[in-house]
Amino acid sequence: KSITEEEDRAMEALNALEIDTHTFGEESHLVTKQCSDVMGEIDALSKVKLTSIPFHIDVDWGEGMRTQVAGRYPTINNLRLAYRVNQKAGVGRKEICAAWNQAAQLI
């Protein structure tokens, strides 16, 4: 009985190792594919020249700019970058969304 029990345990251990080997192979294949995809993205991003993307950002609040009552905002492509609607300054939801969209594209 003891030899048969040892053989059964050895076969169970062998089966467990084969299952682990198969699982490792699948996971290794997935990780290799993900790495390949990431390398492709890195290659594509390395070809982008940020200076060719037209973004004009202005945060200069010098003389002659809007008064504090009307609101002073940094701008991106002449869109005021606000975080909420300001009726006094004439900043609406569409302008805010467009400005944040431009900021997200820049990032």
Protein backbone atom coordinates (compact mmCIF):
# COMPACT_ATOMS: atom_id res chain seq x y z
CA LYS A 1 0.00 0.00 0.00
CA SER A 2 2.68 2.50 0.84
CA ILE A 3 4.31 2.32 -2.63
CA THR A 4 0.94 2.85 -4.30
CA GLU A 5 0.22 5.79 -2.03
CA GLU A 6 3.64 7.28 -2.83
CA GLU A 7 2.99 6.80 -6.56
CA ASP A 8 -0.41 8.50 -6.22
CA ARG A 9 1.13 11.46 -4.37
CA ALA A 10 3.89 11.69 -6.99
CA MET A 11 1.31 11.64 -9.80
CA GLU A 12 -0.76 14.33 -8.06
CA ALA A 13 2.37 16.46 -7.65
CA LEU A 14 3.26 15.88 -11.31
CA ASN A 15 -0.26 16.85 -12.39
CA ALA A 16 -0.11 20.00 -10.26
CA LEU A 17 3.25 20.90 -11.83
CA GLU A 18 1.87 20.36 -15.33
CA ILE A 19 -1.12 22.59 -14.55
CA ASP A 20 1.21 25.26 -13.13
CA THR A 21 3.42 24.98 -16.22
CA HIS A 22 0.44 25.47 -18.52
CA THR A 23 -0.83 28.43 -16.48
CA PHE A 24 2.63 30.00 -16.45
CA GLY A 25 2.89 29.59 -20.22
CA GLU A 26 -0.44 31.35 -20.76
CA GLU A 27 0.45 34.18 -18.38
CA SER A 28 3.90 34.52 -19.94
CA HIS A 29 2.32 34.82 -23.38
CA LEU A 30 -0.09 37.53 -22.14
CA VAL A 31 2.68 39.51 -20.45
CA THR A 32 4.86 39.26 -23.56
CA LYS A 33 1.97 40.58 -25.68
CA GLN A 34 1.32 43.44 -23.23
CA CYS A 35 5.03 44.36 -23.27
CA SER A 36 5.01 44.34 -27.05
CA ASP A 37 1.91 46.59 -27.11
CA VAL A 38 3.51 49.01 -24.63
CA MET A 39 6.72 49.12 -26.65
CA GLY A 40 4.65 49.96 -29.73
CA GLU A 41 2.93 52.80 -27.86
CA ILE A 42 6.28 54.10 -26.57
CA ASP A 43 7.65 54.02 -30.10
CA ALA A 44 4.62 55.91 -31.44
CA LEU A 45 4.77 58.50 -28.63
CA SER A 46 8.50 59.03 -29.12
CA LYS A 47 7.75 60.19 -32.67
CA VAL A 48 5.40 62.97 -31.50
CA LYS A 49 6.99 66.40 -31.51
CA LEU A 50 5.31 68.52 -28.86
CA THR A 51 6.49 71.71 -30.52
CA SER A 52 4.36 70.84 -33.55
CA ILE A 53 1.17 70.75 -31.47
CA PRO A 54 -0.35 74.25 -31.42
CA PHE A 55 -1.12 75.21 -27.83
CA HIS A 56 -0.97 78.77 -26.65
CA ILE A 57 -1.02 79.07 -22.86
CA ASP A 58 -1.23 82.44 -21.14
CA VAL A 59 -1.11 83.01 -17.39
CA ASP A 60 0.20 86.57 -17.48
CA TRP A 61 -2.14 88.90 -15.61
CA GLY A 62 -0.30 92.12 -16.31
CA GLU A 63 -1.70 95.62 -16.68
CA GLY A 64 -4.75 95.99 -18.88
CA MET A 65 -6.10 92.50 -18.21
CA ARG A 66 -9.52 91.75 -16.76
CA THR A 67 -10.38 93.21 -13.39
CA GLN A 68 -10.77 91.02 -10.33
CA VAL A 69 -14.55 91.58 -10.43
CA ALA A 70 -14.85 90.12 -13.94
CA GLY A 71 -12.38 87.37 -13.08
CA ARG A 72 -8.87 86.62 -14.22
CA TYR A 73 -8.22 83.19 -15.67
CA PRO A 74 -5.29 81.45 -17.25
CA THR A 75 -6.06 80.68 -20.89
CA ILE A 76 -5.26 77.89 -23.28
CA ASN A 77 -5.79 78.73 -26.95
CA ASN A 78 -7.70 81.85 -25.79
CA LEU A 79 -10.18 79.76 -23.77
CA ARG A 80 -10.43 80.66 -20.11
CA LEU A 81 -9.45 77.76 -17.88
CA ALA A 82 -12.00 78.06 -15.08
CA TYR A 83 -13.35 75.46 -12.68
CA ARG A 84 -16.92 76.77 -12.51
CA VAL A 85 -19.34 78.98 -14.43
CA ASN A 86 -18.95 82.71 -13.73
CA GLN A 87 -21.86 84.81 -15.01
CA LYS A 88 -20.11 88.12 -14.22
CA ALA A 89 -17.07 87.18 -16.29
CA GLY A 90 -19.17 85.60 -19.02
CA VAL A 91 -17.53 82.22 -18.57
CA GLY A 92 -19.97 79.51 -19.58
CA ARG A 93 -19.97 75.75 -19.32
CA LYS A 94 -19.08 75.27 -23.02
CA GLU A 95 -15.98 77.45 -22.77
CA ILE A 96 -14.87 75.70 -19.56
CA CYS A 97 -15.32 72.25 -21.11
CA ALA A 98 -13.48 73.30 -24.27
CA ALA A 99 -10.57 74.73 -22.25
CA TRP A 100 -10.22 71.61 -20.10
CA ASN A 101 -10.44 69.48 -23.24
CA GLN A 102 -7.48 71.40 -24.66
CA ALA A 103 -5.57 70.99 -21.38
CA ALA A 104 -6.23 67.24 -21.40
CA GLN A 105 -5.00 66.99 -25.00
CA LEU A 106 -1.82 68.80 -24.01
CA ILE A 107 -1.16 66.31 -21.23
